Amino acid sequence: MVDLIPVFGLLGSITASVIFFPQVWKAWRTKRTEDLSWLMIAIGVANGFFWIVYGFLKSDPFIYVTNTLLFSATIMLAVLKKRYH
């Protein structure tokens, strides 16, 4: 029998990692960011930071790799928001 726990962990990590990338792509392509909330971006940055630290403290690459990618996308949104708004 195949152990599905790591499969679901990997799929969850992949989908969480890319959750903001469509928004980054759209903001970059359209040069429009007025509908993006600074509060959402700030919460996303804080969330990513806390999960990265937690992942390293737990030595869990599923957590810290996933959230490093998510953190990076959120930082990209902040840069685009600053640039285009």
C-alpha atoms as a PDB file:
ATOM      1  CA  MET A   1       0.000   0.000   0.000  1.00  0.00           C
ATOM      2  CA  VAL A   2       1.263   3.462  -0.918  1.00  0.00           C
ATOM      3  CA  ASP A   3       1.699   5.935   1.940  1.00  0.00           C
ATOM      4  CA  LEU A   4      -0.354   8.933   0.839  1.00  0.00           C
ATOM      5  CA  ILE A   5       0.685  11.249   3.665  1.00  0.00           C
ATOM      6  CA  PRO A   6       3.845  12.536   1.902  1.00  0.00           C
ATOM      7  CA  VAL A   7       1.926  12.835  -1.377  1.00  0.00           C
ATOM      8  CA  PHE A   8      -0.704  15.070   0.211  1.00  0.00           C
ATOM      9  CA  GLY A   9       2.033  17.020   2.007  1.00  0.00           C
ATOM     10  CA  LEU A  10       3.824  17.607  -1.290  1.00  0.00           C
ATOM     11  CA  LEU A  11       0.625  18.595  -3.101  1.00  0.00           C
ATOM     12  CA  GLY A  12      -0.299  20.958  -0.276  1.00  0.00           C
ATOM     13  CA  SER A  13       3.177  22.479  -0.366  1.00  0.00           C
ATOM     14  CA  ILE A  14       3.060  22.985  -4.120  1.00  0.00           C
ATOM     15  CA  THR A  15      -0.367  24.629  -4.118  1.00  0.00           C
ATOM     16  CA  ALA A  16       0.464  26.824  -1.114  1.00  0.00           C
ATOM     17  CA  SER A  17       3.758  27.854  -2.720  1.00  0.00           C
ATOM     18  CA  VAL A  18       2.124  29.150  -5.867  1.00  0.00           C
ATOM     19  CA  ILE A  19      -1.000  30.697  -4.363  1.00  0.00           C
ATOM     20  CA  PHE A  20       0.094  34.331  -4.956  1.00  0.00           C
ATOM     21  CA  PHE A  21       2.006  33.853  -8.214  1.00  0.00           C
ATOM     22  CA  PRO A  22      -1.060  34.341 -10.466  1.00  0.00           C
ATOM     23  CA  GLN A  23      -1.658  37.680  -8.722  1.00  0.00           C
ATOM     24  CA  VAL A  24       2.011  38.636  -9.121  1.00  0.00           C
ATOM     25  CA  TRP A  25       1.825  37.761 -12.829  1.00  0.00           C
ATOM     26  CA  LYS A  26      -1.390  39.750 -13.304  1.00  0.00           C
ATOM     27  CA  ALA A  27      -0.041  42.799 -11.460  1.00  0.00           C
ATOM     28  CA  TRP A  28       3.193  42.706 -13.455  1.00  0.00           C
ATOM     29  CA  ARG A  29       1.403  42.225 -16.771  1.00  0.00           C
ATOM     30  CA  THR A  30      -1.322  44.867 -16.263  1.00  0.00           C
ATOM     31  CA  LYS A  31       0.736  47.305 -14.164  1.00  0.00           C
ATOM     32  CA  ARG A  32      -2.353  47.679 -11.933  1.00  0.00           C
ATOM     33  CA  THR A  33      -2.279  47.059  -8.190  1.00  0.00           C
ATOM     34  CA  GLU A  34      -4.843  49.429  -6.716  1.00  0.00           C
ATOM     35  CA  ASP A  35      -7.114  46.539  -5.732  1.00  0.00           C
ATOM     36  CA  LEU A  36      -4.377  44.891  -3.669  1.00  0.00           C
ATOM     37  CA  SER A  37      -4.643  45.587   0.042  1.00  0.00           C
ATOM     38  CA  TRP A  38      -1.505  46.691   1.894  1.00  0.00           C
ATOM     39  CA  LEU A  39      -2.906  44.972   4.966  1.00  0.00           C
ATOM     40  CA  MET A  40      -3.203  41.654   3.100  1.00  0.00           C
ATOM     41  CA  ILE A  41       0.363  42.024   1.890  1.00  0.00           C
ATOM     42  CA  ALA A  42       1.631  42.846   5.392  1.00  0.00           C
ATOM     43  CA  ILE A  43      -0.212  39.880   6.896  1.00  0.00           C
ATOM     44  CA  GLY A  44       1.161  37.644   4.136  1.00  0.00           C
ATOM     45  CA  VAL A  45       4.728  38.773   4.840  1.00  0.00           C
ATOM     46  CA  ALA A  46       4.325  38.230   8.592  1.00  0.00           C
ATOM     47  CA  ASN A  47       2.651  34.854   8.018  1.00  0.00           C
ATOM     48  CA  GLY A  48       5.444  33.696   5.723  1.00  0.00           C
ATOM     49  CA  PHE A  49       8.130  34.834   8.143  1.00  0.00           C
ATOM     50  CA  PHE A  50       6.547  33.041  11.115  1.00  0.00           C
ATOM     51  CA  TRP A  51       6.056  29.810   9.171  1.00  0.00           C
ATOM     52  CA  ILE A  52       9.622  29.890   7.828  1.00  0.00           C
ATOM     53  CA  VAL A  53      11.028  30.261  11.344  1.00  0.00           C
ATOM     54  CA  TYR A  54       8.696  27.522  12.614  1.00  0.00           C
ATOM     55  CA  GLY A  55       9.700  25.224   9.747  1.00  0.00           C
ATOM     56  CA  PHE A  56      13.392  25.684  10.488  1.00  0.00           C
ATOM     57  CA  LEU A  57      12.854  25.147  14.217  1.00  0.00           C
ATOM     58  CA  LYS A  58      10.954  21.927  13.442  1.00  0.00           C
ATOM     59  CA  SER A  59      13.494  20.959  10.726  1.00  0.00           C
ATOM     60  CA  ASP A  60      10.598  20.463   8.314  1.00  0.00           C
ATOM     61  CA  PRO A  61      11.432  21.349   4.701  1.00  0.00           C
ATOM     62  CA  PHE A  62       7.772  21.016   3.664  1.00  0.00           C
ATOM     63  CA  ILE A  63       7.074  23.996   5.895  1.00  0.00           C
ATOM     64  CA  TYR A  64      10.097  26.221   5.318  1.00  0.00           C
ATOM     65  CA  VAL A  65      10.509  25.671   1.567  1.00  0.00           C
ATOM     66  CA  THR A  66       6.797  26.175   0.915  1.00  0.00           C
ATOM     67  CA  ASN A  67       6.651  29.341   2.970  1.00  0.00           C
ATOM     68  CA  THR A  68       9.881  30.740   1.560  1.00  0.00           C
ATOM     69  CA  LEU A  69       8.244  30.609  -1.877  1.00  0.00           C
ATOM     70  CA  LEU A  70       5.022  32.094  -0.524  1.00  0.00           C
ATOM     71  CA  PHE A  71       6.991  34.802   1.321  1.00  0.00           C
ATOM     72  CA  SER A  72       8.876  35.616  -1.906  1.00  0.00           C
ATOM     73  CA  ALA A  73       5.643  35.983  -3.874  1.00  0.00           C
ATOM     74  CA  THR A  74       4.213  38.271  -1.197  1.00  0.00           C
ATOM     75  CA  ILE A  75       7.350  40.430  -1.278  1.00  0.00           C
ATOM     76  CA  MET A  76       7.007  40.592  -5.078  1.00  0.00           C
ATOM     77  CA  LEU A  77       3.426  41.808  -4.662  1.00  0.00           C
ATOM     78  CA  ALA A  78       4.631  44.505  -2.260  1.00  0.00           C
ATOM     79  CA  VAL A  79       7.281  45.652  -4.744  1.00  0.00           C
ATOM     80  CA  LEU A  80       4.748  45.749  -7.576  1.00  0.00           C
ATOM     81  CA  LYS A  81       2.200  47.565  -5.392  1.00  0.00           C
ATOM     82  CA  LYS A  82       4.806  50.183  -4.488  1.00  0.00           C
ATOM     83  CA  ARG A  83       5.912  50.550  -8.104  1.00  0.00           C
ATOM     84  CA  TYR A  84       2.523  50.699  -9.839  1.00  0.00           C
ATOM     85  CA  HIS A  85       0.241  52.323  -7.284  1.00  0.00           C
END
